[in-house]
């Protein structure tokens, strides 16, 4: 199995393990994040709705959180691959 195939299979398994799919009328199947991330996003939404923070700041915080998750998942994957080959 090539390295590219292993990476794609690993990414596919990770996506399947950490996302739930919900059937929403008129939208189709929608991916739902894990409960801890869902609570975080709900908290940001509540703070924005109560006008504790402004909506542009909420967008920046959420985007930063998404980028950090992507970076950390890639970092963890790299460490896992290094340990697997060792």
N, C-alpha and C. Protein backbone atom coordinates (compact mmCIF):
# COMPACT_ATOMS: atom_id res chain seq x y z
N UNK A 1 0.85 -1.17 0.00
CA UNK A 1 0.00 0.00 0.00
C UNK A 1 0.90 1.24 0.00
N UNK A 2 0.61 2.17 -0.85
CA UNK A 2 1.46 3.36 -0.95
C UNK A 2 1.21 4.30 0.23
N UNK A 3 2.14 5.20 0.44
CA UNK A 3 2.02 6.16 1.53
C UNK A 3 0.81 7.06 1.32
N UNK A 4 0.55 7.43 0.06
CA UNK A 4 -0.59 8.29 -0.24
C UNK A 4 -1.91 7.58 0.10
N UNK A 5 -2.01 6.32 -0.22
CA UNK A 5 -3.22 5.56 0.08
C UNK A 5 -3.42 5.43 1.58
N UNK A 6 -2.32 5.18 2.32
CA UNK A 6 -2.43 5.09 3.78
C UNK A 6 -2.91 6.40 4.37
N UNK A 7 -2.39 7.52 3.86
CA UNK A 7 -2.80 8.82 4.38
C UNK A 7 -4.27 9.08 4.10
N UNK A 8 -4.72 8.75 2.89
CA UNK A 8 -6.12 8.96 2.55
C UNK A 8 -7.02 8.06 3.38
N UNK A 9 -6.63 6.81 3.57
CA UNK A 9 -7.43 5.90 4.40
C UNK A 9 -7.47 6.38 5.84
N UNK A 10 -6.35 6.84 6.37
CA UNK A 10 -6.31 7.35 7.74
C UNK A 10 -7.18 8.58 7.91
N UNK A 11 -7.12 9.48 6.95
CA UNK A 11 -7.94 10.69 7.02
C UNK A 11 -9.42 10.33 6.93
N UNK A 12 -9.75 9.36 6.07
CA UNK A 12 -11.14 8.95 5.93
C UNK A 12 -11.66 8.35 7.23
N UNK A 13 -10.86 7.51 7.87
CA UNK A 13 -11.26 6.90 9.14
C UNK A 13 -11.42 7.95 10.23
N UNK A 14 -10.52 8.94 10.26
CA UNK A 14 -10.62 10.00 11.26
C UNK A 14 -11.89 10.81 11.07
N UNK A 15 -12.20 11.15 9.84
CA UNK A 15 -13.43 11.91 9.56
C UNK A 15 -14.64 11.10 9.96
N UNK A 16 -14.64 9.82 9.65
CA UNK A 16 -15.79 8.99 9.97
C UNK A 16 -15.94 8.82 11.49
N UNK A 17 -14.83 8.76 12.22
CA UNK A 17 -14.88 8.56 13.66
C UNK A 17 -15.33 9.79 14.42
N UNK A 18 -15.01 10.98 13.92
CA UNK A 18 -15.26 12.19 14.67
C UNK A 18 -16.41 13.04 14.14
N UNK A 19 -17.13 12.56 13.17
CA UNK A 19 -18.29 13.31 12.70
C UNK A 19 -19.51 12.42 12.71
N UNK A 20 -20.60 13.01 13.06
CA UNK A 20 -21.89 12.33 12.99
C UNK A 20 -22.68 13.01 11.89
N UNK A 21 -23.47 12.25 11.25
CA UNK A 21 -24.27 12.78 10.15
C UNK A 21 -25.73 12.77 10.56
N UNK A 22 -26.41 13.88 10.27
CA UNK A 22 -27.82 14.03 10.61
C UNK A 22 -28.56 14.41 9.34
N UNK A 23 -29.70 13.77 9.13
CA UNK A 23 -30.54 14.08 7.98
C UNK A 23 -31.41 15.29 8.33
N UNK A 24 -31.24 16.38 7.60
CA UNK A 24 -32.01 17.61 7.82
C UNK A 24 -32.89 17.84 6.58
N UNK A 25 -34.20 18.03 6.79
CA UNK A 25 -35.06 18.28 5.63
C UNK A 25 -34.60 19.51 4.84
N UNK A 26 -34.66 19.44 3.56
CA UNK A 26 -34.27 20.48 2.59
C UNK A 26 -32.76 20.71 2.51
N UNK A 27 -32.01 20.24 3.46
CA UNK A 27 -30.55 20.40 3.41
C UNK A 27 -29.84 19.10 3.10
N UNK A 28 -30.47 17.98 3.40
CA UNK A 28 -29.84 16.69 3.18
C UNK A 28 -29.06 16.25 4.42
N UNK A 29 -27.97 15.54 4.19
CA UNK A 29 -27.15 15.02 5.28
C UNK A 29 -26.14 16.09 5.70
N UNK A 30 -26.13 16.40 7.00
CA UNK A 30 -25.25 17.43 7.55
C UNK A 30 -24.34 16.80 8.59
N UNK A 31 -23.04 17.12 8.54
CA UNK A 31 -22.08 16.61 9.52
C UNK A 31 -22.17 17.43 10.80
N UNK A 32 -22.20 16.73 11.93
CA UNK A 32 -22.26 17.38 13.25
C UNK A 32 -20.93 17.12 13.94
N UNK A 33 -20.30 18.18 14.48
CA UNK A 33 -19.01 17.98 15.17
C UNK A 33 -19.18 17.22 16.48
N UNK A 34 -18.07 16.74 17.05
CA UNK A 34 -18.14 16.05 18.34
C UNK A 34 -18.73 16.96 19.42
N UNK A 35 -19.25 16.37 20.51
CA UNK A 35 -19.93 17.17 21.55
C UNK A 35 -19.08 18.28 22.15
N UNK A 36 -17.77 18.05 22.36
CA UNK A 36 -16.96 19.11 22.97
C UNK A 36 -16.82 20.31 22.04
N UNK A 37 -16.67 20.07 20.75
CA UNK A 37 -16.58 21.17 19.80
C UNK A 37 -17.93 21.85 19.62
N UNK A 38 -18.99 21.05 19.66
CA UNK A 38 -20.33 21.61 19.55
C UNK A 38 -20.64 22.54 20.72
N UNK A 39 -20.22 22.16 21.92
CA UNK A 39 -20.41 23.01 23.09
C UNK A 39 -19.62 24.30 22.97
N UNK A 40 -18.41 24.21 22.44
CA UNK A 40 -17.57 25.39 22.25
C UNK A 40 -18.23 26.37 21.28
N UNK A 41 -18.69 25.84 20.13
CA UNK A 41 -19.33 26.70 19.14
C UNK A 41 -20.64 27.28 19.67
N UNK A 42 -21.38 26.50 20.45
CA UNK A 42 -22.61 27.00 21.05
C UNK A 42 -22.30 28.12 22.04
N UNK A 43 -21.23 27.96 22.81
CA UNK A 43 -20.83 29.02 23.75
C UNK A 43 -20.47 30.31 23.05
N UNK A 44 -19.72 30.20 21.95
CA UNK A 44 -19.39 31.39 21.16
C UNK A 44 -20.66 32.03 20.61
N UNK A 45 -21.59 31.18 20.16
CA UNK A 45 -22.86 31.69 19.64
C UNK A 45 -23.68 32.41 20.70
N UNK A 46 -23.71 31.86 21.91
CA UNK A 46 -24.46 32.48 23.01
C UNK A 46 -23.83 33.82 23.38
N UNK A 47 -22.49 33.85 23.48
CA UNK A 47 -21.82 35.11 23.80
C UNK A 47 -22.08 36.17 22.74
N UNK A 48 -22.15 35.74 21.49
CA UNK A 48 -22.43 36.68 20.40
C UNK A 48 -23.88 37.13 20.46
N UNK A 49 -24.81 36.21 20.71
CA UNK A 49 -26.22 36.56 20.79
C UNK A 49 -26.50 37.52 21.95
N UNK A 50 -25.80 37.34 23.05
CA UNK A 50 -25.97 38.24 24.21
C UNK A 50 -25.16 39.52 24.07
N UNK A 51 -24.47 39.66 22.97
CA UNK A 51 -23.64 40.82 22.65
C UNK A 51 -22.53 41.05 23.66
N UNK A 52 -22.02 39.95 24.22
CA UNK A 52 -20.85 40.03 25.07
C UNK A 52 -19.63 40.24 24.20
N UNK A 53 -19.62 39.58 23.04
CA UNK A 53 -18.58 39.80 22.04
C UNK A 53 -19.25 40.16 20.72
N UNK A 54 -18.56 40.90 19.90
CA UNK A 54 -19.09 41.30 18.59
C UNK A 54 -18.97 40.13 17.62
N UNK A 55 -19.85 40.09 16.61
CA UNK A 55 -19.84 38.98 15.67
C UNK A 55 -18.55 38.86 14.86
N UNK A 56 -17.87 39.97 14.48
CA UNK A 56 -16.60 39.76 13.77
C UNK A 56 -15.55 39.05 14.65
N UNK A 57 -15.55 39.38 15.93
CA UNK A 57 -14.62 38.72 16.85
C UNK A 57 -14.98 37.25 17.00
N UNK A 58 -16.27 36.94 17.04
CA UNK A 58 -16.70 35.54 17.12
C UNK A 58 -16.25 34.76 15.89
N UNK A 59 -16.32 35.39 14.72
CA UNK A 59 -15.85 34.73 13.49
C UNK A 59 -14.35 34.47 13.54
N UNK A 60 -13.60 35.44 14.02
CA UNK A 60 -12.14 35.29 14.10
C UNK A 60 -11.77 34.19 15.10
N UNK A 61 -12.44 34.17 16.24
CA UNK A 61 -12.18 33.14 17.25
C UNK A 61 -12.49 31.76 16.69
N UNK A 62 -13.64 31.63 16.04
CA UNK A 62 -14.05 30.34 15.48
C UNK A 62 -13.10 29.89 14.37
N UNK A 63 -12.71 30.81 13.51
CA UNK A 63 -11.77 30.46 12.44
C UNK A 63 -10.42 30.03 13.02
N UNK A 64 -9.95 30.73 14.04
CA UNK A 64 -8.70 30.35 14.69
C UNK A 64 -8.79 28.97 15.33
N UNK A 65 -9.92 28.69 15.94
CA UNK A 65 -10.13 27.39 16.56
C UNK A 65 -10.13 26.29 15.50
N UNK A 66 -10.78 26.52 14.38
CA UNK A 66 -10.81 25.53 13.30
C UNK A 66 -9.41 25.29 12.73
N UNK A 67 -8.67 26.37 12.53
CA UNK A 67 -7.30 26.23 12.02
C UNK A 67 -6.40 25.50 13.00
N UNK A 68 -6.55 25.78 14.28
CA UNK A 68 -5.74 25.10 15.30
C UNK A 68 -6.08 23.61 15.33
N UNK A 69 -7.35 23.26 15.20
CA UNK A 69 -7.74 21.85 15.18
C UNK A 69 -7.13 21.14 13.99
N UNK A 70 -7.14 21.79 12.83
CA UNK A 70 -6.56 21.18 11.64
C UNK A 70 -5.06 20.98 11.81
N UNK A 71 -4.40 21.96 12.38
CA UNK A 71 -2.95 21.87 12.58
C UNK A 71 -2.62 20.77 13.59
N UNK A 72 -3.36 20.73 14.70
CA UNK A 72 -3.08 19.74 15.73
C UNK A 72 -3.40 18.34 15.26
N UNK A 73 -4.44 18.18 14.45
CA UNK A 73 -4.75 16.84 13.96
C UNK A 73 -3.66 16.37 13.00
N UNK A 74 -3.12 17.29 12.19
CA UNK A 74 -2.02 16.93 11.31
C UNK A 74 -0.76 16.62 12.09
N UNK A 75 -0.52 17.37 13.16
CA UNK A 75 0.64 17.13 14.02
C UNK A 75 0.52 15.77 14.70
N UNK A 76 -0.64 15.47 15.22
CA UNK A 76 -0.85 14.18 15.88
C UNK A 76 -0.71 13.04 14.89
N UNK A 77 -1.19 13.24 13.68
CA UNK A 77 -1.06 12.21 12.65
C UNK A 77 0.42 11.97 12.32
N UNK A 78 1.19 13.06 12.22
CA UNK A 78 2.62 12.93 11.94
C UNK A 78 3.36 12.21 13.04
N UNK A 79 3.02 12.51 14.28
CA UNK A 79 3.65 11.82 15.42
C UNK A 79 3.27 10.34 15.41
N UNK A 80 2.00 10.07 15.13
CA UNK A 80 1.56 8.67 15.06
C UNK A 80 2.28 7.89 13.98
N UNK A 81 2.46 8.50 12.82
CA UNK A 81 3.19 7.84 11.73
C UNK A 81 4.65 7.62 12.09
N UNK A 82 5.25 8.60 12.79
CA UNK A 82 6.65 8.45 13.19
C UNK A 82 6.79 7.30 14.20
N UNK A 83 5.86 7.21 15.14
CA UNK A 83 5.92 6.13 16.12
C UNK A 83 5.64 4.78 15.46
N UNK A 84 4.79 4.79 14.45
CA UNK A 84 4.46 3.55 13.76
C UNK A 84 5.66 2.99 13.00
N UNK A 85 6.46 3.87 12.40
CA UNK A 85 7.63 3.41 11.65
C UNK A 85 8.82 3.09 12.55
N UNK A 86 8.82 3.57 13.79
CA UNK A 86 9.95 3.35 14.70
C UNK A 86 9.94 1.96 15.29
